[in-house]
Amino acid sequence: MRRFLSQVAVAALLATCSCNDWRSHVDPARAAADPEQVALVDEPVISFEARGHEVRLTPRASYRITAYAVDTSRTLLDEWDFALPMDLALVWGPVADPAVLRKMKFHLSGRYVSWWFEDGSLSPQVIQTHVANHHLVPAGDDVAKEMKRVRKGDLVTLRGKLVDVEILDRGGASKFRSRTSLSRSDVGSGACEQLWVEAIDVNPP
């Protein structure tokens, strides 16, 4: 989920930010492209067990993105974080520019990514279509290990499948359902990309 917050106290927030070092190392050319996404039809459901529940992932599209990490969250995400153990907020295109990022602040909490921008050189519409929060599900132990390496400012490439998620209890009752976003322009509830991560590359600044 992504949302825009007003500019109240933006200057103070930016002044207290200690993350400016990584912003100066961002290379816009390395994250210029939009995510690659191709619809999938009749893909088999991915199913696995976790904490006494069955997790079912229904693939909706293949997905690849190369973008800069602006925030991460791995703990106390929600009741279902055993199935979706990491959130990763990424930026690309016109937002992945040191001149823009120096005027921005990001905050990832409770499955939401919020952002602030101190001037009008980019419209909110442009920014919100180039910032996305991803709920990540590792496809294996090696991927899970690599996901733990991601830090703010890293250039990250994710490859995998956008998936709808359903979690069932031992009796087969559905306890949780969530559809993935398939658009970069949506906002609010349901606007996050839910990704079955088959491969990840992490490049520190």
N, C-alpha and C. Protein backbone atom coordinates (compact mmCIF):
# COMPACT_ATOMS: atom_id res chain seq x y z
N MET A 1 0.85 -1.18 0.00
CA MET A 1 0.00 0.00 0.00
C MET A 1 0.89 1.24 0.00
N ARG A 2 0.47 2.26 -0.73
CA ARG A 2 1.24 3.50 -0.77
C ARG A 2 0.30 4.67 -0.57
N ARG A 3 0.78 5.68 0.06
CA ARG A 3 -0.05 6.85 0.27
C ARG A 3 0.82 8.09 0.35
N PHE A 4 0.25 9.22 0.03
CA PHE A 4 0.93 10.51 0.08
C PHE A 4 0.45 11.26 1.30
N LEU A 5 1.39 11.78 2.09
CA LEU A 5 1.04 12.59 3.23
C LEU A 5 1.37 14.04 2.92
N SER A 6 0.70 14.95 3.57
CA SER A 6 0.87 16.37 3.29
C SER A 6 2.27 16.83 3.68
N GLN A 7 2.57 18.08 3.33
CA GLN A 7 3.91 18.62 3.52
C GLN A 7 4.13 19.20 4.91
N VAL A 8 3.23 18.96 5.83
CA VAL A 8 3.37 19.50 7.18
C VAL A 8 4.67 19.00 7.80
N ALA A 9 5.46 19.92 8.28
CA ALA A 9 6.71 19.62 8.99
C ALA A 9 7.72 18.88 8.12
N VAL A 10 7.59 18.99 6.79
CA VAL A 10 8.52 18.30 5.91
C VAL A 10 9.95 18.76 6.13
N ALA A 11 10.14 20.08 6.23
CA ALA A 11 11.49 20.60 6.39
C ALA A 11 12.15 20.03 7.64
N ALA A 12 11.40 19.96 8.73
CA ALA A 12 11.95 19.42 9.97
C ALA A 12 12.27 17.95 9.83
N LEU A 13 11.39 17.21 9.14
CA LEU A 13 11.63 15.79 8.96
C LEU A 13 12.88 15.54 8.14
N LEU A 14 13.03 16.33 7.09
CA LEU A 14 14.22 16.15 6.25
C LEU A 14 15.48 16.56 6.98
N ALA A 15 15.40 17.55 7.80
CA ALA A 15 16.57 18.01 8.53
C ALA A 15 17.07 16.96 9.51
N THR A 16 16.15 16.14 10.03
CA THR A 16 16.55 15.12 10.99
C THR A 16 16.91 13.81 10.33
N CYS A 17 16.73 13.71 9.01
CA CYS A 17 17.01 12.46 8.32
C CYS A 17 18.51 12.21 8.26
N SER A 18 18.90 11.00 8.62
CA SER A 18 20.32 10.65 8.63
C SER A 18 20.68 9.77 7.44
N CYS A 19 19.80 9.75 6.41
CA CYS A 19 19.97 8.80 5.32
C CYS A 19 20.48 9.44 4.04
N ASN A 20 20.94 10.68 4.10
CA ASN A 20 21.30 11.39 2.88
C ASN A 20 22.51 10.78 2.19
N ASP A 21 23.36 10.06 2.91
CA ASP A 21 24.56 9.51 2.30
C ASP A 21 24.22 8.59 1.14
N TRP A 22 23.29 7.66 1.34
CA TRP A 22 22.98 6.71 0.28
C TRP A 22 22.34 7.41 -0.91
N ARG A 23 21.62 8.48 -0.68
CA ARG A 23 20.95 9.17 -1.77
C ARG A 23 21.94 9.73 -2.79
N SER A 24 23.07 10.17 -2.31
CA SER A 24 24.07 10.74 -3.22
C SER A 24 24.70 9.68 -4.12
N HIS A 25 24.53 8.40 -3.77
CA HIS A 25 25.11 7.32 -4.57
C HIS A 25 24.13 6.73 -5.57
N VAL A 26 22.90 7.20 -5.57
CA VAL A 26 21.90 6.67 -6.50
C VAL A 26 22.26 7.07 -7.93
N ASP A 27 22.22 6.09 -8.82
CA ASP A 27 22.48 6.32 -10.24
C ASP A 27 21.15 6.15 -10.99
N PRO A 28 20.53 7.24 -11.46
CA PRO A 28 19.22 7.14 -12.11
C PRO A 28 19.19 6.17 -13.29
N ALA A 29 20.31 6.05 -14.00
CA ALA A 29 20.33 5.19 -15.18
C ALA A 29 20.14 3.71 -14.82
N ARG A 30 20.47 3.34 -13.58
CA ARG A 30 20.38 1.92 -13.20
C ARG A 30 18.97 1.51 -12.79
N ALA A 31 18.09 2.48 -12.59
CA ALA A 31 16.70 2.17 -12.20
C ALA A 31 15.74 3.01 -13.02
N ALA A 32 16.04 3.17 -14.30
CA ALA A 32 15.23 4.04 -15.15
C ALA A 32 13.98 3.35 -15.69
N ALA A 33 14.03 2.04 -15.85
CA ALA A 33 12.96 1.32 -16.51
C ALA A 33 11.79 1.02 -15.58
N ASP A 34 10.60 1.00 -16.15
CA ASP A 34 9.43 0.57 -15.40
C ASP A 34 9.48 -0.94 -15.17
N PRO A 35 8.78 -1.43 -14.17
CA PRO A 35 8.72 -2.88 -13.95
C PRO A 35 8.18 -3.60 -15.19
N GLU A 36 8.69 -4.81 -15.40
CA GLU A 36 8.21 -5.66 -16.49
C GLU A 36 7.16 -6.61 -15.93
N GLN A 37 6.00 -6.66 -16.56
CA GLN A 37 4.90 -7.46 -16.05
C GLN A 37 4.14 -8.08 -17.21
N VAL A 38 3.92 -9.39 -17.13
CA VAL A 38 3.18 -10.11 -18.16
C VAL A 38 2.14 -10.98 -17.48
N ALA A 39 0.89 -10.85 -17.90
CA ALA A 39 -0.20 -11.62 -17.29
C ALA A 39 0.01 -13.11 -17.45
N LEU A 40 -0.36 -13.86 -16.43
CA LEU A 40 -0.28 -15.32 -16.44
C LEU A 40 -1.69 -15.90 -16.39
N VAL A 41 -1.91 -16.95 -17.14
CA VAL A 41 -3.22 -17.60 -17.19
C VAL A 41 -3.04 -19.09 -16.88
N ASP A 42 -3.88 -19.59 -15.98
CA ASP A 42 -3.90 -21.02 -15.65
C ASP A 42 -2.58 -21.51 -15.06
N GLU A 43 -1.87 -20.63 -14.38
CA GLU A 43 -0.66 -21.06 -13.66
C GLU A 43 -1.08 -21.87 -12.44
N PRO A 44 -0.34 -22.93 -12.11
CA PRO A 44 -0.69 -23.72 -10.93
C PRO A 44 -0.54 -22.91 -9.64
N VAL A 45 -1.40 -23.19 -8.69
CA VAL A 45 -1.32 -22.54 -7.38
C VAL A 45 -0.07 -23.01 -6.66
N ILE A 46 0.62 -22.09 -6.01
CA ILE A 46 1.78 -22.40 -5.18
C ILE A 46 1.27 -22.58 -3.75
N SER A 47 1.61 -23.70 -3.13
CA SER A 47 1.09 -24.00 -1.80
C SER A 47 2.21 -24.46 -0.89
N PHE A 48 2.20 -23.96 0.36
CA PHE A 48 3.17 -24.43 1.35
C PHE A 48 2.58 -24.28 2.75
N GLU A 49 3.17 -24.99 3.70
CA GLU A 49 2.73 -24.95 5.09
C GLU A 49 3.57 -23.97 5.89
N ALA A 50 2.93 -23.23 6.78
CA ALA A 50 3.64 -22.30 7.66
C ALA A 50 2.83 -22.10 8.93
N ARG A 51 3.44 -22.40 10.07
CA ARG A 51 2.83 -22.21 11.38
C ARG A 51 1.42 -22.80 11.48
N GLY A 52 1.30 -24.02 10.99
CA GLY A 52 0.04 -24.71 11.10
C GLY A 52 -1.02 -24.24 10.13
N HIS A 53 -0.64 -23.46 9.16
CA HIS A 53 -1.56 -22.96 8.15
C HIS A 53 -1.10 -23.39 6.75
N GLU A 54 -2.04 -23.48 5.84
CA GLU A 54 -1.72 -23.66 4.44
C GLU A 54 -1.75 -22.31 3.75
N VAL A 55 -0.66 -21.97 3.08
CA VAL A 55 -0.57 -20.72 2.34
C VAL A 55 -0.71 -21.04 0.85
N ARG A 56 -1.70 -20.44 0.22
CA ARG A 56 -1.94 -20.65 -1.21
C ARG A 56 -1.68 -19.35 -1.96
N LEU A 57 -0.84 -19.43 -2.97
CA LEU A 57 -0.50 -18.27 -3.79
C LEU A 57 -0.97 -18.53 -5.21
N THR A 58 -1.83 -17.66 -5.71
CA THR A 58 -2.33 -17.79 -7.07
C THR A 58 -1.60 -16.80 -7.97
N PRO A 59 -0.74 -17.27 -8.88
CA PRO A 59 0.01 -16.35 -9.74
C PRO A 59 -0.91 -15.57 -10.68
N ARG A 60 -0.65 -14.27 -10.77
CA ARG A 60 -1.43 -13.40 -11.66
C ARG A 60 -0.58 -12.84 -12.80
N ALA A 61 0.71 -12.64 -12.55
CA ALA A 61 1.58 -12.07 -13.58
C ALA A 61 3.04 -12.34 -13.22
N SER A 62 3.85 -12.51 -14.26
CA SER A 62 5.30 -12.50 -14.02
C SER A 62 5.72 -11.06 -13.78
N TYR A 63 6.83 -10.88 -13.07
CA TYR A 63 7.19 -9.52 -12.64
C TYR A 63 8.70 -9.44 -12.46
N ARG A 64 9.24 -8.34 -12.94
CA ARG A 64 10.65 -8.05 -12.74
C ARG A 64 10.80 -6.56 -12.52
N ILE A 65 11.57 -6.18 -11.51
CA ILE A 65 11.80 -4.77 -11.23
C ILE A 65 13.23 -4.58 -10.77
N THR A 66 13.84 -3.50 -11.23
CA THR A 66 15.13 -3.03 -10.70
C THR A 66 14.90 -1.63 -10.19
N ALA A 67 15.13 -1.43 -8.89
CA ALA A 67 14.79 -0.16 -8.26
C ALA A 67 15.60 0.00 -6.99
N TYR A 68 15.53 1.19 -6.41
CA TYR A 68 16.27 1.48 -5.18
C TYR A 68 15.38 1.29 -3.96
N ALA A 69 15.93 0.64 -2.96
CA ALA A 69 15.22 0.43 -1.69
C ALA A 69 15.24 1.73 -0.89
N VAL A 70 14.05 2.20 -0.52
CA VAL A 70 13.97 3.43 0.29
C VAL A 70 13.52 3.13 1.72
N ASP A 71 13.01 1.93 1.96
CA ASP A 71 12.71 1.50 3.33
C ASP A 71 12.41 0.01 3.31
N THR A 72 12.62 -0.64 4.46
CA THR A 72 12.31 -2.06 4.62
C THR A 72 11.63 -2.28 5.96
N SER A 73 10.85 -3.36 6.05
CA SER A 73 10.21 -3.73 7.30
C SER A 73 10.13 -5.25 7.37
N ARG A 74 10.61 -5.80 8.49
CA ARG A 74 10.69 -7.25 8.62
C ARG A 74 10.07 -7.78 9.91
N THR A 75 9.69 -6.92 10.84
CA THR A 75 9.21 -7.38 12.13
C THR A 75 7.84 -6.81 12.45
N LEU A 76 7.01 -7.63 13.07
CA LEU A 76 5.70 -7.21 13.56
C LEU A 76 4.88 -6.53 12.47
N LEU A 77 4.87 -7.13 11.31
CA LEU A 77 4.15 -6.53 10.18
C LEU A 77 2.64 -6.64 10.39
N ASP A 78 2.17 -7.85 10.69
CA ASP A 78 0.77 -8.09 10.97
C ASP A 78 0.62 -9.55 11.40
N GLU A 79 -0.60 -10.01 11.53
CA GLU A 79 -0.86 -11.38 11.99
C GLU A 79 -0.34 -12.43 11.03
N TRP A 80 -0.16 -12.05 9.76
CA TRP A 80 0.19 -13.02 8.73
C TRP A 80 1.61 -12.86 8.22
N ASP A 81 2.47 -12.25 9.01
CA ASP A 81 3.83 -12.03 8.53
C ASP A 81 4.67 -13.30 8.46
N PHE A 82 4.16 -14.41 8.99
CA PHE A 82 4.87 -15.67 8.80
C PHE A 82 4.76 -16.13 7.34
N ALA A 83 3.76 -15.64 6.61
CA ALA A 83 3.60 -15.99 5.20
C ALA A 83 4.20 -14.93 4.28
N LEU A 84 4.09 -13.66 4.67
CA LEU A 84 4.65 -12.54 3.90
C LEU A 84 5.62 -11.81 4.82
N PRO A 85 6.85 -12.32 4.95
CA PRO A 85 7.73 -11.90 6.04
C PRO A 85 8.47 -10.58 5.84
N MET A 86 8.34 -9.94 4.69
CA MET A 86 9.12 -8.72 4.48
C MET A 86 8.35 -7.76 3.58
N ASP A 87 8.41 -6.49 3.93
CA ASP A 87 7.93 -5.42 3.06
C ASP A 87 9.14 -4.64 2.56
N LEU A 88 9.10 -4.28 1.30
CA LEU A 88 10.20 -3.54 0.68
C LEU A 88 9.63 -2.43 -0.19
N ALA A 89 9.93 -1.18 0.18
CA ALA A 89 9.50 -0.02 -0.60
C ALA A 89 10.59 0.33 -1.60
N LEU A 90 10.20 0.43 -2.87
CA LEU A 90 11.14 0.67 -3.95
C LEU A 90 10.74 1.90 -4.76
N VAL A 91 11.75 2.57 -5.32
CA VAL A 91 11.51 3.70 -6.23
C VAL A 91 12.33 3.49 -7.50
N TRP A 92 11.82 4.03 -8.60
CA TRP A 92 12.50 3.92 -9.88
C TRP A 92 12.10 5.12 -10.74
N GLY A 93 12.63 5.14 -11.97
CA GLY A 93 12.27 6.20 -12.90
C GLY A 93 12.61 7.58 -12.36
N PRO A 94 11.74 8.57 -12.52
CA PRO A 94 12.07 9.94 -12.12
C PRO A 94 12.27 10.12 -10.62
N VAL A 95 11.77 9.21 -9.81
CA VAL A 95 11.97 9.32 -8.36
C VAL A 95 13.36 8.83 -7.96
N ALA A 96 13.95 7.94 -8.75
CA ALA A 96 15.27 7.41 -8.44
C ALA A 96 16.35 8.35 -8.95
N ASP A 97 16.37 9.52 -8.38
CA ASP A 97 17.29 10.58 -8.77
C ASP A 97 17.75 11.28 -7.49
N PRO A 98 19.05 11.43 -7.28
CA PRO A 98 19.53 12.06 -6.04
C PRO A 98 18.90 13.43 -5.79
N ALA A 99 18.69 14.22 -6.84
CA ALA A 99 18.12 15.55 -6.66
C ALA A 99 16.69 15.48 -6.13
N VAL A 100 15.96 14.45 -6.52
CA VAL A 100 14.59 14.26 -6.02
C VAL A 100 14.62 13.65 -4.62
N LEU A 101 15.42 12.61 -4.44
CA LEU A 101 15.43 11.89 -3.17
C LEU A 101 15.90 12.75 -2.00
N ARG A 102 16.77 13.72 -2.29
CA ARG A 102 17.23 14.60 -1.21
C ARG A 102 16.09 15.45 -0.66
N LYS A 103 15.01 15.59 -1.42
CA LYS A 103 13.86 16.38 -0.99
C LYS A 103 12.71 15.51 -0.51
N MET A 104 12.97 14.21 -0.33
CA MET A 104 11.91 13.29 0.05
C MET A 104 12.24 12.55 1.34
N LYS A 105 11.18 12.09 1.98
CA LYS A 105 11.31 11.21 3.13
C LYS A 105 10.29 10.09 2.97
N PHE A 106 10.67 8.87 3.36
CA PHE A 106 9.81 7.71 3.25
C PHE A 106 9.66 7.05 4.61
N HIS A 107 8.51 6.46 4.82
CA HIS A 107 8.27 5.71 6.06
C HIS A 107 7.42 4.50 5.75
N LEU A 108 7.91 3.32 6.16
CA LEU A 108 7.21 2.06 5.91
C LEU A 108 6.79 1.48 7.24
N SER A 109 5.47 1.33 7.42
CA SER A 109 4.96 0.81 8.69
C SER A 109 3.56 0.27 8.48
N GLY A 110 3.24 -0.85 9.14
CA GLY A 110 1.89 -1.39 9.07
C GLY A 110 1.44 -1.70 7.66
N ARG A 111 2.36 -2.14 6.81
CA ARG A 111 2.09 -2.50 5.42
C ARG A 111 1.83 -1.29 4.53
N TYR A 112 2.06 -0.08 5.03
CA TYR A 112 1.92 1.15 4.24
C TYR A 112 3.30 1.77 4.01
N VAL A 113 3.52 2.29 2.82
CA VAL A 113 4.65 3.18 2.62
C VAL A 113 4.08 4.60 2.44
N SER A 114 4.59 5.53 3.23
CA SER A 114 4.21 6.94 3.14
C SER A 114 5.39 7.74 2.64
N TRP A 115 5.12 8.81 1.94
CA TRP A 115 6.20 9.65 1.44
C TRP A 115 5.83 11.12 1.54
N TRP A 116 6.89 11.91 1.69
CA TRP A 116 6.76 13.37 1.75
C TRP A 116 7.70 13.96 0.70
N PHE A 117 7.28 15.07 0.08
CA PHE A 117 8.11 15.74 -0.92
C PHE A 117 8.01 17.23 -0.67
N GLU A 118 9.16 17.90 -0.64
CA GLU A 118 9.16 19.28 -0.15
C GLU A 118 8.94 20.34 -1.22
N ASP A 119 8.92 19.96 -2.50
CA ASP A 119 8.60 20.96 -3.52
C ASP A 119 7.75 20.33 -4.61
N GLY A 120 7.44 21.11 -5.62
CA GLY A 120 6.52 20.66 -6.66
C GLY A 120 7.18 20.32 -7.97
N SER A 121 8.46 20.00 -7.96
CA SER A 121 9.14 19.71 -9.22
C SER A 121 8.64 18.42 -9.86
N LEU A 122 8.09 17.51 -9.04
CA LEU A 122 7.40 16.33 -9.56
C LEU A 122 5.99 16.33 -8.97
N SER A 123 5.03 15.97 -9.78
CA SER A 123 3.65 15.93 -9.29
C SER A 123 3.45 14.71 -8.41
N PRO A 124 2.47 14.76 -7.49
CA PRO A 124 2.15 13.57 -6.70
C PRO A 124 1.81 12.36 -7.57
N GLN A 125 1.17 12.60 -8.72
CA GLN A 125 0.81 11.49 -9.60
C GLN A 125 2.05 10.79 -10.16
N VAL A 126 3.07 11.58 -10.54
CA VAL A 126 4.31 10.99 -11.04
C VAL A 126 5.00 10.20 -9.94
N ILE A 127 5.05 10.77 -8.75
CA ILE A 127 5.73 10.08 -7.65
C ILE A 127 5.01 8.79 -7.29
N GLN A 128 3.70 8.84 -7.14
CA GLN A 128 2.99 7.66 -6.66
C GLN A 128 3.02 6.51 -7.67
N THR A 129 3.28 6.80 -8.95
CA THR A 129 3.40 5.73 -9.93
C THR A 129 4.82 5.22 -10.07
N HIS A 130 5.74 5.77 -9.26
CA HIS A 130 7.13 5.31 -9.27
C HIS A 130 7.63 4.99 -7.87
N VAL A 131 6.70 4.76 -6.97
CA VAL A 131 6.98 4.29 -5.61
C VAL A 131 6.03 3.12 -5.35
N ALA A 132 6.55 2.01 -4.87
CA ALA A 132 5.68 0.86 -4.60
C ALA A 132 6.19 0.09 -3.40
N ASN A 133 5.23 -0.34 -2.58
CA ASN A 133 5.54 -1.25 -1.48
C ASN A 133 5.28 -2.68 -1.96
N HIS A 134 6.23 -3.57 -1.66
CA HIS A 134 6.14 -4.96 -2.07
C HIS A 134 6.09 -5.86 -0.83
N HIS A 135 5.06 -6.72 -0.75
CA HIS A 135 5.02 -7.77 0.25
C HIS A 135 5.73 -8.98 -0.36
N LEU A 136 6.83 -9.39 0.24
CA LEU A 136 7.68 -10.42 -0.36
C LEU A 136 7.50 -11.78 0.30
N VAL A 137 7.41 -12.81 -0.54
CA VAL A 137 7.36 -14.20 -0.10
C VAL A 137 8.53 -14.92 -0.75
N PRO A 138 9.54 -15.36 0.00
CA PRO A 138 10.69 -16.01 -0.62
C PRO A 138 10.34 -17.38 -1.16
N ALA A 139 10.86 -17.71 -2.34
CA ALA A 139 10.60 -19.01 -2.95
C ALA A 139 11.50 -20.11 -2.41
N GLY A 140 12.49 -19.75 -1.61
CA GLY A 140 13.40 -20.74 -1.06
C GLY A 140 14.31 -20.11 -0.03
N ASP A 141 15.10 -20.95 0.63
CA ASP A 141 15.98 -20.47 1.69
C ASP A 141 17.04 -19.51 1.18
N ASP A 142 17.58 -19.76 0.00
CA ASP A 142 18.61 -18.87 -0.55
C ASP A 142 18.03 -17.48 -0.81
N VAL A 143 16.82 -17.43 -1.32
CA VAL A 143 16.17 -16.14 -1.56
C VAL A 143 15.90 -15.44 -0.24
N ALA A 144 15.41 -16.20 0.75
CA ALA A 144 15.12 -15.61 2.07
C ALA A 144 16.39 -15.03 2.69
N LYS A 145 17.50 -15.73 2.54
CA LYS A 145 18.77 -15.24 3.07
C LYS A 145 19.19 -13.95 2.38
N GLU A 146 19.01 -13.89 1.07
CA GLU A 146 19.40 -12.69 0.32
C GLU A 146 18.48 -11.52 0.66
N MET A 147 17.20 -11.79 0.88
CA MET A 147 16.26 -10.74 1.26
C MET A 147 16.70 -10.06 2.55
N LYS A 148 17.29 -10.81 3.47
CA LYS A 148 17.72 -10.24 4.75
C LYS A 148 18.87 -9.26 4.58
N ARG A 149 19.55 -9.30 3.44
CA ARG A 149 20.68 -8.41 3.20
C ARG A 149 20.26 -7.02 2.77
N VAL A 150 19.03 -6.86 2.32
CA VAL A 150 18.60 -5.59 1.73
C VAL A 150 18.60 -4.48 2.78
N ARG A 151 19.22 -3.37 2.43
CA ARG A 151 19.24 -2.18 3.27
C ARG A 151 18.82 -0.96 2.45
N LYS A 152 18.44 0.07 3.14
CA LYS A 152 18.06 1.32 2.49
C LYS A 152 19.20 1.81 1.60
N GLY A 153 18.87 2.16 0.36
CA GLY A 153 19.86 2.65 -0.59
C GLY A 153 20.40 1.60 -1.52
N ASP A 154 20.10 0.31 -1.27
CA ASP A 154 20.55 -0.75 -2.17
C ASP A 154 19.78 -0.71 -3.48
N LEU A 155 20.48 -1.04 -4.56
CA LEU A 155 19.82 -1.28 -5.84
C LEU A 155 19.39 -2.74 -5.85
N VAL A 156 18.11 -2.98 -5.99
CA VAL A 156 17.56 -4.33 -5.86
C VAL A 156 16.85 -4.73 -7.14
N THR A 157 17.12 -5.94 -7.60
CA THR A 157 16.37 -6.53 -8.70
C THR A 157 15.59 -7.72 -8.15
N LEU A 158 14.27 -7.70 -8.35
CA LEU A 158 13.40 -8.79 -7.94
C LEU A 158 12.81 -9.44 -9.19
N ARG A 159 12.77 -10.77 -9.19
CA ARG A 159 12.13 -11.52 -10.26
C ARG A 159 11.22 -12.58 -9.64
N GLY A 160 10.02 -12.69 -10.18
CA GLY A 160 9.12 -13.69 -9.63
C GLY A 160 7.72 -13.53 -10.19
N LYS A 161 6.72 -13.80 -9.34
CA LYS A 161 5.33 -13.75 -9.77
C LYS A 161 4.50 -12.93 -8.79
N LEU A 162 3.67 -12.04 -9.33
CA LEU A 162 2.69 -11.35 -8.51
C LEU A 162 1.58 -12.35 -8.18
N VAL A 163 1.20 -12.42 -6.90
CA VAL A 163 0.29 -13.48 -6.46
C VAL A 163 -0.81 -12.94 -5.56
N ASP A 164 -1.99 -13.54 -5.70
CA ASP A 164 -3.03 -13.39 -4.71
C ASP A 164 -2.75 -14.39 -3.59
N VAL A 165 -3.04 -13.99 -2.36
CA VAL A 165 -2.68 -14.81 -1.21
C VAL A 165 -3.94 -15.25 -0.47
N GLU A 166 -3.98 -16.53 -0.12
CA GLU A 166 -5.02 -17.05 0.77
C GLU A 166 -4.36 -17.92 1.82
N ILE A 167 -4.77 -17.76 3.07
CA ILE A 167 -4.22 -18.54 4.18
C ILE A 167 -5.37 -19.29 4.85
N LEU A 168 -5.19 -20.61 4.99
CA LEU A 168 -6.22 -21.47 5.55
C LEU A 168 -5.73 -22.12 6.84
N ASP A 169 -6.64 -22.36 7.77
CA ASP A 169 -6.25 -23.04 9.01
C ASP A 169 -6.23 -24.55 8.79
N ARG A 170 -5.92 -25.29 9.86
CA ARG A 170 -5.79 -26.75 9.74
C ARG A 170 -7.08 -27.41 9.27
N GLY A 171 -8.20 -26.81 9.56
CA GLY A 171 -9.48 -27.37 9.13
C GLY A 171 -9.87 -26.99 7.72
N GLY A 172 -9.05 -26.22 7.05
CA GLY A 172 -9.33 -25.82 5.68
C GLY A 172 -10.15 -24.55 5.55
N ALA A 173 -10.42 -23.88 6.69
CA ALA A 173 -11.18 -22.64 6.64
C ALA A 173 -10.28 -21.48 6.22
N SER A 174 -10.78 -20.66 5.33
CA SER A 174 -10.01 -19.50 4.87
C SER A 174 -9.98 -18.44 5.96
N LYS A 175 -8.77 -18.03 6.37
CA LYS A 175 -8.60 -17.05 7.43
C LYS A 175 -8.14 -15.68 6.92
N PHE A 176 -7.57 -15.67 5.73
CA PHE A 176 -7.03 -14.41 5.20
C PHE A 176 -6.99 -14.51 3.68
N ARG A 177 -7.40 -13.42 3.02
CA ARG A 177 -7.28 -13.32 1.57
C ARG A 177 -6.80 -11.93 1.21
N SER A 178 -5.93 -11.87 0.22
CA SER A 178 -5.43 -10.57 -0.23
C SER A 178 -5.04 -10.67 -1.69
N ARG A 179 -5.53 -9.72 -2.49
CA ARG A 179 -5.21 -9.69 -3.91
C ARG A 179 -4.02 -8.77 -4.14
N THR A 180 -3.17 -9.16 -5.06
CA THR A 180 -2.03 -8.33 -5.40
C THR A 180 -2.45 -7.17 -6.29
N SER A 181 -1.73 -6.08 -6.18
CA SER A 181 -1.88 -5.01 -7.16
C SER A 181 -1.29 -5.47 -8.49
N LEU A 182 -1.93 -5.07 -9.56
CA LEU A 182 -1.40 -5.32 -10.91
C LEU A 182 -1.16 -4.01 -11.64
N SER A 183 -1.18 -2.90 -10.91
CA SER A 183 -1.04 -1.57 -11.49
C SER A 183 -0.09 -0.74 -10.65
N ARG A 184 0.63 0.15 -11.29
CA ARG A 184 1.51 1.06 -10.55
C ARG A 184 0.79 2.34 -10.15
N SER A 185 -0.43 2.54 -10.62
CA SER A 185 -1.10 3.81 -10.38
C SER A 185 -2.13 3.75 -9.26
N ASP A 186 -2.39 2.57 -8.69
CA ASP A 186 -3.39 2.49 -7.63
C ASP A 186 -2.79 2.95 -6.30
N VAL A 187 -3.66 3.34 -5.38
CA VAL A 187 -3.24 3.80 -4.06
C VAL A 187 -4.22 3.25 -3.03
N GLY A 188 -3.80 3.31 -1.77
CA GLY A 188 -4.68 2.87 -0.70
C GLY A 188 -4.67 1.36 -0.52
N SER A 189 -5.71 0.85 0.12
CA SER A 189 -5.80 -0.57 0.41
C SER A 189 -5.79 -1.39 -0.88
N GLY A 190 -4.94 -2.42 -0.91
CA GLY A 190 -4.83 -3.28 -2.08
C GLY A 190 -3.86 -2.81 -3.13
N ALA A 191 -3.10 -1.75 -2.84
CA ALA A 191 -2.19 -1.19 -3.85
C ALA A 191 -0.78 -1.77 -3.79
N CYS A 192 -0.55 -2.73 -2.90
CA CYS A 192 0.79 -3.31 -2.79
C CYS A 192 0.97 -4.47 -3.77
N GLU A 193 2.18 -4.62 -4.24
CA GLU A 193 2.56 -5.76 -5.06
C GLU A 193 2.93 -6.92 -4.13
N GLN A 194 2.22 -8.03 -4.24
CA GLN A 194 2.53 -9.23 -3.46
C GLN A 194 3.33 -10.15 -4.36
N LEU A 195 4.59 -10.40 -3.97
CA LEU A 195 5.51 -11.05 -4.89
C LEU A 195 6.10 -12.33 -4.33
N TRP A 196 5.90 -13.42 -5.07
CA TRP A 196 6.61 -14.68 -4.85
C TRP A 196 7.99 -14.49 -5.48
N VAL A 197 9.01 -14.32 -4.65
CA VAL A 197 10.34 -13.93 -5.12
C VAL A 197 11.13 -15.17 -5.49
N GLU A 198 11.38 -15.34 -6.80
CA GLU A 198 12.14 -16.48 -7.28
C GLU A 198 13.62 -16.17 -7.39
N ALA A 199 13.96 -14.90 -7.50
CA ALA A 199 15.37 -14.48 -7.58
C ALA A 199 15.48 -13.05 -7.12
N ILE A 200 16.58 -12.73 -6.46
CA ILE A 200 16.82 -11.38 -5.98
C ILE A 200 18.31 -11.07 -6.09
N ASP A 201 18.62 -9.88 -6.59
CA ASP A 201 19.99 -9.37 -6.64
C ASP A 201 20.05 -8.10 -5.82
N VAL A 202 21.04 -8.02 -4.94
CA VAL A 202 21.19 -6.87 -4.04
C VAL A 202 22.54 -6.24 -4.26
N ASN A 203 22.55 -4.94 -4.62
CA ASN A 203 23.79 -4.22 -4.87
C ASN A 203 23.83 -3.00 -3.96
N PRO A 204 24.68 -3.05 -2.90
CA PRO A 204 24.79 -1.90 -1.99
C PRO A 204 25.32 -0.68 -2.72
N PRO A 205 25.02 0.52 -2.18
CA PRO A 205 25.49 1.75 -2.83
C PRO A 205 27.01 1.88 -2.75
